[in-house]
């Protein structure tokens, strides 16, 4: 039979151990335990929302159609007069289009400022460069596209177009965002209003190759796209609302 003194001694010992453990986890301790991380280390992974997946886009100058002018350290593209670019097998020869340099295979997010009549797109690298509609973003099975213009927004893939009904007033310029989750087969477009993401459309499919961001213009002089830098200190957009359209 265990004596009462022995039980009391054990209880007091356990109490001392528990108090010691509590003190070791207290915020006032000089060496608190490191935070638990479920994403790669780095400041951007502490951001809520989609901007934690932001990626830096670089325009592939070998793909730029001669009707497109580059400026602002190749971060702005404007449709206008022919430029004296050298011939290149990767250059789009008819449509005023271009691709970015790096193929995307994971989860990526980017934003652009647009003006005029612009298509914000993603495409497989193997899309044709010479010819007519086979090269056009959104009009084949190699690419997906969001049209931004003063009549609103529409999306296109494999020559199937869908107009997007939006409660916002139409504008000749704006800011849109793209989020792609390649493993999940999801491609989403958003417009931004007061730094809040407003969902426009999501494509659901199976991506079989890396995706390359791209842009094309409706031959309207002055139409432009600017790649938006996403600074480390920039406030993130709000959460994702429910989908308006999904295909």
C-alpha atoms as a PDB file:
ATOM      1  CA  UNK A   1       0.000   0.000   0.000  1.00  0.00           C
ATOM      2  CA  UNK A   2       1.384   3.424  -1.014  1.00  0.00           C
ATOM      3  CA  UNK A   3       1.763   5.788   1.902  1.00  0.00           C
ATOM      4  CA  UNK A   4       0.061   9.221   1.777  1.00  0.00           C
ATOM      5  CA  UNK A   5       3.459  10.963   2.188  1.00  0.00           C
ATOM      6  CA  UNK A   6       4.784   9.215  -0.948  1.00  0.00           C
ATOM      7  CA  UNK A   7       1.734  10.280  -3.001  1.00  0.00           C
ATOM      8  CA  UNK A   8       2.083  13.860  -1.797  1.00  0.00           C
ATOM      9  CA  UNK A   9       5.798  13.830  -2.681  1.00  0.00           C
ATOM     10  CA  UNK A  10       5.072  12.619  -6.222  1.00  0.00           C
ATOM     11  CA  UNK A  11       2.291  15.211  -6.692  1.00  0.00           C
ATOM     12  CA  UNK A  12       4.545  18.045  -5.607  1.00  0.00           C
ATOM     13  CA  UNK A  13       7.328  16.821  -7.925  1.00  0.00           C
ATOM     14  CA  UNK A  14       4.938  16.689 -10.909  1.00  0.00           C
ATOM     15  CA  UNK A  15       3.644  20.165 -10.048  1.00  0.00           C
ATOM     16  CA  UNK A  16       7.193  21.514 -10.102  1.00  0.00           C
ATOM     17  CA  UNK A  17       7.880  19.916 -13.497  1.00  0.00           C
ATOM     18  CA  UNK A  18       4.655  21.386 -14.966  1.00  0.00           C
ATOM     19  CA  UNK A  19       5.464  24.858 -13.669  1.00  0.00           C
ATOM     20  CA  UNK A  20       8.933  24.571 -15.195  1.00  0.00           C
ATOM     21  CA  UNK A  21       7.430  23.601 -18.574  1.00  0.00           C
ATOM     22  CA  UNK A  22       4.995  26.527 -18.460  1.00  0.00           C
ATOM     23  CA  UNK A  23       7.831  28.962 -17.766  1.00  0.00           C
ATOM     24  CA  UNK A  24       9.845  27.546 -20.695  1.00  0.00           C
ATOM     25  CA  UNK A  25       6.922  28.283 -23.052  1.00  0.00           C
ATOM     26  CA  UNK A  26       6.109  31.710 -21.637  1.00  0.00           C
ATOM     27  CA  UNK A  27       6.378  34.715 -24.008  1.00  0.00           C
ATOM     28  CA  UNK A  28       8.644  36.418 -21.487  1.00  0.00           C
ATOM     29  CA  UNK A  29      11.367  33.833 -21.937  1.00  0.00           C
ATOM     30  CA  UNK A  30      14.537  35.063 -23.627  1.00  0.00           C
ATOM     31  CA  UNK A  31      14.604  32.196 -26.161  1.00  0.00           C
ATOM     32  CA  UNK A  32      11.048  31.330 -27.281  1.00  0.00           C
ATOM     33  CA  UNK A  33      10.581  28.349 -29.575  1.00  0.00           C
ATOM     34  CA  UNK A  34      10.722  29.091 -33.318  1.00  0.00           C
ATOM     35  CA  UNK A  35       7.379  29.582 -35.107  1.00  0.00           C
ATOM     36  CA  UNK A  36       5.811  26.633 -36.870  1.00  0.00           C
ATOM     37  CA  UNK A  37       6.008  26.993 -40.660  1.00  0.00           C
ATOM     38  CA  UNK A  38       3.983  25.162 -43.274  1.00  0.00           C
ATOM     39  CA  UNK A  39       5.417  27.090 -46.258  1.00  0.00           C
ATOM     40  CA  UNK A  40       8.987  27.877 -47.359  1.00  0.00           C
ATOM     41  CA  UNK A  41      10.828  30.422 -45.256  1.00  0.00           C
ATOM     42  CA  UNK A  42      10.918  34.098 -46.253  1.00  0.00           C
ATOM     43  CA  UNK A  43       9.008  37.320 -45.656  1.00  0.00           C
ATOM     44  CA  UNK A  44       6.575  36.847 -48.522  1.00  0.00           C
ATOM     45  CA  UNK A  45       5.283  33.578 -47.046  1.00  0.00           C
ATOM     46  CA  UNK A  46       3.964  35.524 -44.053  1.00  0.00           C
ATOM     47  CA  UNK A  47       1.511  37.391 -46.316  1.00  0.00           C
ATOM     48  CA  UNK A  48      -2.121  36.327 -46.264  1.00  0.00           C
ATOM     49  CA  UNK A  49      -3.950  35.846 -49.543  1.00  0.00           C
ATOM     50  CA  UNK A  50      -2.566  35.129 -52.980  1.00  0.00           C
ATOM     51  CA  UNK A  51       0.343  37.576 -53.084  1.00  0.00           C
ATOM     52  CA  UNK A  52       2.493  35.110 -51.208  1.00  0.00           C
ATOM     53  CA  UNK A  53       2.694  33.343 -54.583  1.00  0.00           C
ATOM     54  CA  UNK A  54       3.763  36.465 -56.490  1.00  0.00           C
ATOM     55  CA  UNK A  55       6.340  35.922 -59.218  1.00  0.00           C
ATOM     56  CA  UNK A  56       8.507  38.356 -61.140  1.00  0.00           C
ATOM     57  CA  UNK A  57       7.777  38.283 -64.872  1.00  0.00           C
ATOM     58  CA  UNK A  58      10.391  39.055 -67.520  1.00  0.00           C
ATOM     59  CA  UNK A  59       9.385  39.720 -71.118  1.00  0.00           C
ATOM     60  CA  UNK A  60      11.038  37.495 -73.709  1.00  0.00           C
ATOM     61  CA  UNK A  61      12.177  40.149 -76.180  1.00  0.00           C
ATOM     62  CA  UNK A  62      12.667  37.526 -78.900  1.00  0.00           C
ATOM     63  CA  UNK A  63       8.896  36.945 -79.003  1.00  0.00           C
ATOM     64  CA  UNK A  64       7.727  40.586 -79.174  1.00  0.00           C
ATOM     65  CA  UNK A  65       5.791  41.462 -82.329  1.00  0.00           C
ATOM     66  CA  UNK A  66       7.198  44.450 -84.223  1.00  0.00           C
ATOM     67  CA  UNK A  67       4.061  46.520 -83.598  1.00  0.00           C
ATOM     68  CA  UNK A  68       4.785  46.527 -79.865  1.00  0.00           C
ATOM     69  CA  UNK A  69       7.090  49.030 -78.197  1.00  0.00           C
ATOM     70  CA  UNK A  70       8.923  48.186 -74.969  1.00  0.00           C
ATOM     71  CA  UNK A  71       9.686  50.819 -72.327  1.00  0.00           C
ATOM     72  CA  UNK A  72      10.278  51.232 -68.579  1.00  0.00           C
ATOM     73  CA  UNK A  73      13.090  48.656 -68.544  1.00  0.00           C
ATOM     74  CA  UNK A  74      10.970  46.278 -70.631  1.00  0.00           C
ATOM     75  CA  UNK A  75       8.162  46.318 -68.063  1.00  0.00           C
ATOM     76  CA  UNK A  76       5.689  48.261 -70.214  1.00  0.00           C
ATOM     77  CA  UNK A  77       4.368  47.263 -73.654  1.00  0.00           C
ATOM     78  CA  UNK A  78       2.516  49.693 -75.933  1.00  0.00           C
ATOM     79  CA  UNK A  79       0.845  48.940 -79.245  1.00  0.00           C
ATOM     80  CA  UNK A  80       1.804  51.386 -81.997  1.00  0.00           C
ATOM     81  CA  UNK A  81       4.258  51.913 -84.823  1.00  0.00           C
ATOM     82  CA  UNK A  82       6.495  49.150 -86.134  1.00  0.00           C
ATOM     83  CA  UNK A  83       9.774  48.715 -84.293  1.00  0.00           C
ATOM     84  CA  UNK A  84      13.104  47.671 -85.805  1.00  0.00           C
ATOM     85  CA  UNK A  85      13.412  44.351 -83.974  1.00  0.00           C
ATOM     86  CA  UNK A  86      15.654  41.749 -85.616  1.00  0.00           C
ATOM     87  CA  UNK A  87      14.033  38.699 -87.157  1.00  0.00           C
ATOM     88  CA  UNK A  88      13.771  35.727 -84.824  1.00  0.00           C
ATOM     89  CA  UNK A  89      12.090  32.348 -85.105  1.00  0.00           C
ATOM     90  CA  UNK A  90      10.274  32.931 -81.786  1.00  0.00           C
ATOM     91  CA  UNK A  91       8.843  36.328 -82.768  1.00  0.00           C
ATOM     92  CA  UNK A  92       5.091  36.568 -83.486  1.00  0.00           C
ATOM     93  CA  UNK A  93       4.986  37.797 -87.065  1.00  0.00           C
ATOM     94  CA  UNK A  94       1.349  38.942 -87.538  1.00  0.00           C
ATOM     95  CA  UNK A  95      -0.492  39.448 -84.267  1.00  0.00           C
ATOM     96  CA  UNK A  96       0.784  42.040 -81.767  1.00  0.00           C
ATOM     97  CA  UNK A  97       1.628  39.496 -79.081  1.00  0.00           C
ATOM     98  CA  UNK A  98       4.481  38.479 -76.801  1.00  0.00           C
ATOM     99  CA  UNK A  99       5.403  35.863 -74.218  1.00  0.00           C
ATOM    100  CA  UNK A 100       7.305  36.089 -70.962  1.00  0.00           C
ATOM    101  CA  UNK A 101      10.531  34.195 -70.486  1.00  0.00           C
ATOM    102  CA  UNK A 102       9.980  31.780 -67.609  1.00  0.00           C
ATOM    103  CA  UNK A 103       7.642  28.796 -67.696  1.00  0.00           C
ATOM    104  CA  UNK A 104       5.417  28.340 -64.638  1.00  0.00           C
ATOM    105  CA  UNK A 105       4.869  24.924 -63.077  1.00  0.00           C
ATOM    106  CA  UNK A 106       3.703  25.613 -59.522  1.00  0.00           C
ATOM    107  CA  UNK A 107       1.471  28.250 -57.939  1.00  0.00           C
ATOM    108  CA  UNK A 108       2.081  31.769 -59.247  1.00  0.00           C
ATOM    109  CA  UNK A 109       0.413  35.173 -58.991  1.00  0.00           C
ATOM    110  CA  UNK A 110       0.971  38.430 -60.878  1.00  0.00           C
ATOM    111  CA  UNK A 111      -0.733  41.760 -61.540  1.00  0.00           C
ATOM    112  CA  UNK A 112      -0.773  44.085 -64.557  1.00  0.00           C
ATOM    113  CA  UNK A 113      -2.060  47.562 -65.341  1.00  0.00           C
ATOM    114  CA  UNK A 114      -3.876  47.717 -68.681  1.00  0.00           C
ATOM    115  CA  UNK A 115      -5.178  50.474 -70.922  1.00  0.00           C
ATOM    116  CA  UNK A 116      -7.167  50.316 -74.144  1.00  0.00           C
ATOM    117  CA  UNK A 117      -7.925  46.800 -75.431  1.00  0.00           C
ATOM    118  CA  UNK A 118      -5.618  44.100 -74.101  1.00  0.00           C
ATOM    119  CA  UNK A 119      -5.647  40.322 -73.628  1.00  0.00           C
ATOM    120  CA  UNK A 120      -3.883  38.994 -70.518  1.00  0.00           C
ATOM    121  CA  UNK A 121      -2.984  35.402 -71.306  1.00  0.00           C
ATOM    122  CA  UNK A 122      -1.083  32.226 -70.510  1.00  0.00           C
ATOM    123  CA  UNK A 123       0.147  29.824 -73.151  1.00  0.00           C
ATOM    124  CA  UNK A 124       2.206  26.733 -73.755  1.00  0.00           C
ATOM    125  CA  UNK A 125       5.618  27.512 -75.211  1.00  0.00           C
ATOM    126  CA  UNK A 126       4.895  25.578 -78.388  1.00  0.00           C
ATOM    127  CA  UNK A 127       2.163  27.905 -79.672  1.00  0.00           C
ATOM    128  CA  UNK A 128       2.761  28.829 -83.315  1.00  0.00           C
ATOM    129  CA  UNK A 129       4.501  32.127 -84.062  1.00  0.00           C
ATOM    130  CA  UNK A 130       3.900  32.384 -87.802  1.00  0.00           C
ATOM    131  CA  UNK A 131       0.417  32.602 -89.224  1.00  0.00           C
ATOM    132  CA  UNK A 132      -3.083  33.675 -88.288  1.00  0.00           C
ATOM    133  CA  UNK A 133      -5.593  32.354 -85.727  1.00  0.00           C
ATOM    134  CA  UNK A 134      -3.495  29.335 -84.736  1.00  0.00           C
ATOM    135  CA  UNK A 135      -1.124  31.808 -83.087  1.00  0.00           C
ATOM    136  CA  UNK A 136      -3.735  33.935 -81.347  1.00  0.00           C
ATOM    137  CA  UNK A 137      -3.942  33.626 -77.549  1.00  0.00           C
ATOM    138  CA  UNK A 138      -7.237  32.057 -76.513  1.00  0.00           C
ATOM    139  CA  UNK A 139      -8.210  30.867 -79.989  1.00  0.00           C
ATOM    140  CA  UNK A 140      -6.578  27.432 -79.773  1.00  0.00           C
ATOM    141  CA  UNK A 141      -6.076  24.624 -77.262  1.00  0.00           C
ATOM    142  CA  UNK A 142      -2.597  25.936 -76.394  1.00  0.00           C
ATOM    143  CA  UNK A 143      -3.629  29.113 -74.577  1.00  0.00           C
ATOM    144  CA  UNK A 144      -6.128  30.880 -72.292  1.00  0.00           C
ATOM    145  CA  UNK A 145      -6.933  34.583 -72.347  1.00  0.00           C
ATOM    146  CA  UNK A 146      -8.753  37.393 -70.509  1.00  0.00           C
ATOM    147  CA  UNK A 147      -9.790  40.365 -72.648  1.00  0.00           C
ATOM    148  CA  UNK A 148      -9.820  43.740 -70.851  1.00  0.00           C
ATOM    149  CA  UNK A 149     -11.456  46.682 -72.621  1.00  0.00           C
ATOM    150  CA  UNK A 150     -13.961  49.494 -72.123  1.00  0.00           C
ATOM    151  CA  UNK A 151     -16.819  47.065 -72.780  1.00  0.00           C
ATOM    152  CA  UNK A 152     -15.903  44.936 -69.777  1.00  0.00           C
ATOM    153  CA  UNK A 153     -14.171  41.564 -69.648  1.00  0.00           C
ATOM    154  CA  UNK A 154     -14.362  38.282 -71.539  1.00  0.00           C
ATOM    155  CA  UNK A 155     -12.384  35.044 -71.513  1.00  0.00           C
ATOM    156  CA  UNK A 156     -11.447  32.732 -74.345  1.00  0.00           C
ATOM    157  CA  UNK A 157      -9.951  29.247 -74.730  1.00  0.00           C
ATOM    158  CA  UNK A 158      -9.930  27.003 -77.788  1.00  0.00           C
ATOM    159  CA  UNK A 159     -11.981  29.597 -79.709  1.00  0.00           C
ATOM    160  CA  UNK A 160     -14.782  29.556 -77.106  1.00  0.00           C
ATOM    161  CA  UNK A 161     -15.504  33.031 -75.751  1.00  0.00           C
ATOM    162  CA  UNK A 162     -17.461  33.929 -72.624  1.00  0.00           C
ATOM    163  CA  UNK A 163     -18.463  37.481 -71.717  1.00  0.00           C
ATOM    164  CA  UNK A 164     -18.204  38.250 -68.015  1.00  0.00           C
ATOM    165  CA  UNK A 165     -21.043  40.143 -66.375  1.00  0.00           C
ATOM    166  CA  UNK A 166     -19.691  42.571 -63.804  1.00  0.00           C
ATOM    167  CA  UNK A 167     -21.364  45.096 -61.517  1.00  0.00           C
ATOM    168  CA  UNK A 168     -18.521  47.566 -62.025  1.00  0.00           C
ATOM    169  CA  UNK A 169     -18.791  50.499 -64.416  1.00  0.00           C
ATOM    170  CA  UNK A 170     -16.848  50.021 -67.630  1.00  0.00           C
ATOM    171  CA  UNK A 171     -13.488  51.743 -67.875  1.00  0.00           C
ATOM    172  CA  UNK A 172     -10.794  52.132 -70.548  1.00  0.00           C
ATOM    173  CA  UNK A 173      -8.114  51.107 -68.037  1.00  0.00           C
ATOM    174  CA  UNK A 174      -7.646  49.075 -64.882  1.00  0.00           C
ATOM    175  CA  UNK A 175      -5.622  46.539 -62.954  1.00  0.00           C
ATOM    176  CA  UNK A 176      -6.084  42.785 -63.115  1.00  0.00           C
ATOM    177  CA  UNK A 177      -4.463  39.816 -61.411  1.00  0.00           C
ATOM    178  CA  UNK A 178      -3.770  36.256 -62.494  1.00  0.00           C
ATOM    179  CA  UNK A 179      -3.360  33.250 -60.206  1.00  0.00           C
ATOM    180  CA  UNK A 180      -2.421  29.855 -61.581  1.00  0.00           C
ATOM    181  CA  UNK A 181      -2.152  26.602 -59.649  1.00  0.00           C
ATOM    182  CA  UNK A 182      -0.587  24.316 -62.230  1.00  0.00           C
ATOM    183  CA  UNK A 183      -0.724  21.037 -60.244  1.00  0.00           C
ATOM    184  CA  UNK A 184      -4.412  21.644 -59.447  1.00  0.00           C
ATOM    185  CA  UNK A 185      -5.230  22.659 -63.037  1.00  0.00           C
ATOM    186  CA  UNK A 186      -6.687  26.012 -61.983  1.00  0.00           C
ATOM    187  CA  UNK A 187      -6.293  29.395 -63.718  1.00  0.00           C
ATOM    188  CA  UNK A 188      -8.090  32.389 -62.167  1.00  0.00           C
ATOM    189  CA  UNK A 189      -8.478  35.998 -63.279  1.00  0.00           C
ATOM    190  CA  UNK A 190      -9.371  38.904 -60.984  1.00  0.00           C
ATOM    191  CA  UNK A 191      -9.842  42.629 -61.243  1.00  0.00           C
ATOM    192  CA  UNK A 192      -8.609  44.868 -58.451  1.00  0.00           C
ATOM    193  CA  UNK A 193     -10.693  47.585 -56.841  1.00  0.00           C
ATOM    194  CA  UNK A 194      -9.181  49.544 -53.949  1.00  0.00           C
ATOM    195  CA  UNK A 195      -6.620  46.745 -53.537  1.00  0.00           C
ATOM    196  CA  UNK A 196      -9.377  44.135 -53.180  1.00  0.00           C
ATOM    197  CA  UNK A 197      -9.508  41.106 -55.465  1.00  0.00           C
ATOM    198  CA  UNK A 198     -12.798  40.632 -57.312  1.00  0.00           C
ATOM    199  CA  UNK A 199     -13.052  37.272 -59.034  1.00  0.00           C
ATOM    200  CA  UNK A 200     -13.833  37.284 -62.755  1.00  0.00           C
ATOM    201  CA  UNK A 201     -13.359  33.737 -64.023  1.00  0.00           C
ATOM    202  CA  UNK A 202     -11.641  30.424 -63.305  1.00  0.00           C
ATOM    203  CA  UNK A 203     -10.606  27.830 -65.876  1.00  0.00           C
ATOM    204  CA  UNK A 204     -10.409  24.272 -64.539  1.00  0.00           C
ATOM    205  CA  UNK A 205      -8.380  21.917 -66.699  1.00  0.00           C
ATOM    206  CA  UNK A 206      -5.266  19.728 -66.759  1.00  0.00           C
ATOM    207  CA  UNK A 207      -2.065  21.522 -67.693  1.00  0.00           C
ATOM    208  CA  UNK A 208       0.326  19.229 -69.528  1.00  0.00           C
ATOM    209  CA  UNK A 209       3.203  21.697 -69.970  1.00  0.00           C
ATOM    210  CA  UNK A 210       4.678  24.747 -68.231  1.00  0.00           C
ATOM    211  CA  UNK A 211       2.648  27.934 -68.731  1.00  0.00           C
ATOM    212  CA  UNK A 212       4.080  31.175 -70.093  1.00  0.00           C
ATOM    213  CA  UNK A 213       2.361  34.509 -69.356  1.00  0.00           C
ATOM    214  CA  UNK A 214       1.685  36.596 -72.449  1.00  0.00           C
ATOM    215  CA  UNK A 215      -0.207  39.598 -73.823  1.00  0.00           C
ATOM    216  CA  UNK A 216      -1.821  40.597 -77.085  1.00  0.00           C
ATOM    217  CA  UNK A 217      -3.478  43.757 -78.378  1.00  0.00           C
ATOM    218  CA  UNK A 218      -6.360  44.534 -80.750  1.00  0.00           C
ATOM    219  CA  UNK A 219      -4.260  46.725 -83.086  1.00  0.00           C
ATOM    220  CA  UNK A 220      -5.434  49.789 -81.139  1.00  0.00           C
ATOM    221  CA  UNK A 221      -2.597  52.339 -80.979  1.00  0.00           C
ATOM    222  CA  UNK A 222      -1.937  53.395 -77.412  1.00  0.00           C
ATOM    223  CA  UNK A 223      -3.188  50.187 -75.791  1.00  0.00           C
ATOM    224  CA  UNK A 224      -0.665  49.145 -73.159  1.00  0.00           C
ATOM    225  CA  UNK A 225       0.209  46.707 -70.398  1.00  0.00           C
ATOM    226  CA  UNK A 226       2.559  47.334 -67.464  1.00  0.00           C
ATOM    227  CA  UNK A 227       3.925  44.618 -65.193  1.00  0.00           C
ATOM    228  CA  UNK A 228       3.195  45.589 -61.589  1.00  0.00           C
ATOM    229  CA  UNK A 229       5.988  45.176 -59.037  1.00  0.00           C
ATOM    230  CA  UNK A 230       4.745  43.491 -55.866  1.00  0.00           C
ATOM    231  CA  UNK A 231       6.819  44.957 -53.073  1.00  0.00           C
ATOM    232  CA  UNK A 232       7.555  43.099 -49.852  1.00  0.00           C
ATOM    233  CA  UNK A 233       5.815  45.760 -47.784  1.00  0.00           C
ATOM    234  CA  UNK A 234       2.774  46.089 -50.020  1.00  0.00           C
ATOM    235  CA  UNK A 235      -0.504  45.221 -48.381  1.00  0.00           C
ATOM    236  CA  UNK A 236      -2.133  42.046 -49.684  1.00  0.00           C
ATOM    237  CA  UNK A 237      -5.508  41.997 -51.414  1.00  0.00           C
ATOM    238  CA  UNK A 238      -8.559  40.645 -49.660  1.00  0.00           C
ATOM    239  CA  UNK A 239      -9.689  37.058 -49.683  1.00  0.00           C
ATOM    240  CA  UNK A 240     -11.139  35.309 -52.673  1.00  0.00           C
ATOM    241  CA  UNK A 241     -14.905  35.692 -53.127  1.00  0.00           C
ATOM    242  CA  UNK A 242     -17.066  32.946 -54.517  1.00  0.00           C
ATOM    243  CA  UNK A 243     -16.642  32.149 -58.192  1.00  0.00           C
ATOM    244  CA  UNK A 244     -18.674  33.975 -60.805  1.00  0.00           C
ATOM    245  CA  UNK A 245     -17.790  31.703 -63.707  1.00  0.00           C
ATOM    246  CA  UNK A 246     -15.900  28.440 -63.898  1.00  0.00           C
ATOM    247  CA  UNK A 247     -15.154  26.295 -66.922  1.00  0.00           C
END
